[in-house]
Amino acid sequence: MTRSGPVEDDDRVPWPEDSAAGKAPDASPARPSPPSEDDDEALVGWAFAQSPATAALYDTRLRLRLATVRMEQVIGRPEKAMRGLRVSEILVDPQSELTEQHMRRVLASGEEEQLQVTLRLPGHDRESVWTISLVPVRGRGGAVRGVLLSAQDVTAEHLARERLVLVNEASLRIGTTLDLARSAQELTDVAVPQLADFATVDLLPSIEGGEDPRAGPPGMPVKLRRVASRSVLEGSPEAVVAHGALATYPEASPAAECLATGRPLLRKVTPDALTAWERDAPERAARVRKYGFHSVLAIPMRARGITLGVVTFSRHRRPEPFERDDLLLAEEITARAAVCIDNARRYSRERRTSLALQSSLLPGRPPRQAAVEIASRYLPASARPGVGGDWFDVIPLSGARVALVVGDVVGHGIQASAAMGRLRTAVRTLADVDLRPDELLTHLDDLVIHLSAEADSAQVPSGDIGATCLYAVYDPVSRRCTLARAGHPVPALATPDGAVEFLDVPAGPPLGVGGLPFETAELELAEGSVLTLYTNGLVDSREQGADEGLQTLREVLARPATSLENSCDAVLEALLPDRPADDVALLMARTRALDTAHVATWDVPAEASAVARARKEACLQLDAWGLDEAAFVTELVVSELVTNALRYGDAPIRLRLIRDKNLIIEVSDGSSTAPHLRRARSSDEGGRGLLLVAQLTQGWGTRQTYTGKTIWAEQSLTAV
């Protein structure tokens, strides 16, 4: 091949001389004559044409003068056909026009330039990426006489870089939450349009409950639930299955085959495949034909040895079919998503278990109390991994009294729920013993220390158990309320006149610290007062700090409300407009006062004849209440309890009858010694009194008071 134009060369290289040793200059053979310029021209032309580089030489009018054989192969046209044409005339493409603009700049500036272009070359079914180098060609005197264009195919490097970027994007965007459906949607959002035109995630139905999914037998249709999809077309018109719907995939489908083999599949949509789909899934086949699906990837979604479902990637707008590298990329991002989805599944299972456990441990709707009207709410955290250990309780006590409890175990998950259940059970057990609030918290503190020691010895992760608790006892007869708290937020009191205050209850250390005493606060409450107990998640939230939360709570409680239930709702709406970041327990109690007409009290003198008078007074009171039919049992119980106080107790002795839903009989004395139920031997003259009381009444017990003790018995009135 010869040049089509002269090539100017300023650097002439002299032909090397033969200076063999031992020969005088005049004795050397004749020097060969240098090659002619015509020879140089031919040699340069041959070298350029046969160069392995993809290059072309353009003159100052940007017309092609020379092209290498490799350039001819890439363009698909011989040099002769391209000579005299511009780049934009050789390849009709916006990128060619951009290249021409850069070539003009090189001619004007005399500086080398480089750019990257994406082209669809003639005879190629996919785009390729090229790095173009534009070098000014100078003649004698340094004038720019042309532009040398050399191109390097960097498609492989470009695709590898794009795949790496996509994998990195998948790492950042998939699994931002522990929500299963959202993680699946994030996978399809990453894949479309970078990898596919349409992507779907279908999971085995058993995964919904957080259980280990079970695939059906191979060679059979498979049922899958659609949890996510994404399309380059608005509204995903290609989709046959709606989100959340259960669909059956025939055994010949990519999804079923992929699950049966456990291996990824790369399939071209052939006429034979369409014929099979039209027979087994006509609606799917119609969509495939309508939108021009031509290439499909089906990737099994597996994590920790468990198959969760299948991810399908399809192309119908992008003409390039999937390749082996695309399959590897799809496997990589699917594997990352599978771990996130499995984490969400396991979290969902643990959360559901924790919620079920906590729900079973929290009280249901408490029975109607003479002492208080109750409204309560429990809200699990929205963002924490597992529910927490917040709880509340309403415990009926002897003497028509009621205990109100709110507590918070540190941590979240099943362990926190289990610890909460043990503490709630312990509080109920201690409440049955009728301990004062400060004593009850002391025993509860010892229990938490013991539980922490057990967890440490068993090497349980996060074995330390910490908790806060508020325990209050309200007596509707005296309208007195006694409270003690262990590191818990202070309760709020709203009086009937609309005033709101936070009660000054000594804080006490959190449960589990040990060695420090708890103190009580006692106050008299007006009938109709509202006592509000809560955990810290109510007032200390993402939206506001604790001080601001307490002020908001004060303002809400000061507003009049039609019911206690509405007050609960108003508190939550004001303080937690969105789902809480931490668990929240809220307990509101409106106090009642027991009518004095329902209570009768007598002082009992320390003499034997007082027993008969006590029986008589009790019968007269029952007659006044219209409870004559209860007189027989009441006489026996009063006789036994008063006799026991006279024999074993100290003055002062007092008898009290309380008419509530049941009849409550109480005898108080100045001794702190508690009686014990025992079975008398046949030879014993006494010792059968308390056994008789236990058999005749619905329940009985003792409680310590500041001046001694009270023995009580509760007699059912349902049959009266």
Foldseek 3Di string as FASTA:
>chain_A
DFFPDDDADPDDDDDDDDDDPPDDPVRDDDDDDDDDSRVVRRVVQVCQQAPPFFKFKAWLVQFTGDTHPNVCVQQVHDPVVRGGHHQCVSPVDVVSVVVVVVQNVCLVPVDKDKDKDWDDHPPHQAIWIKIWIWHFDAHPPGHGTIIMITIDTCRVVVVVVLLVVLLVVLLVQAQPALAQLRNQQSLQVSCPPSQFQKKWWWWAVVLVLLDQHDWDAAPAKGKTATRYMDGPDPPPPLDPHDHGDIDIGGNLDLFRVCVNVVAKDKDFDDPVNLVVCCVVPVVNSVSCVVQAWTIKIKHFQDDPRGTTGIMMGIYRPRRDYDDPVSNVSSNSSSPVSSVSSNSSSNLSNQQVVLVVLLVVLADDPDPDAQWWDKDKDKAAADGDSAGALWYWDWAQAAQSKIKTKTKGKPDHTNVRSVVSSVLSVLLNVVVHQVAAQQVSLQVSLVVLLVQLVVCVVVVPVVSRIWMKMKMKMARQAQQKIKIKIAQFAFKWKAAPVLQIDGDDADHHHIRNPDDDTIDMDMDHHDAFMKIKGKGQLLQDFPVDHNVVSVVQLSVLSSDDDPDPNVSVVSSCCRRPVDRTNHMMIMMMIGTHHADVLQKDKDWFDLDPVSLVVQLVVVCVSCVVVVNNVCSVLVNLLSSLVVVCCSVPFADGWMWMWGDDQWIKIKIDHQAADFDDQDDDDPPDPDRCSVVSLCVQFPDWHKHADPRHIMTMTTHHPPVD
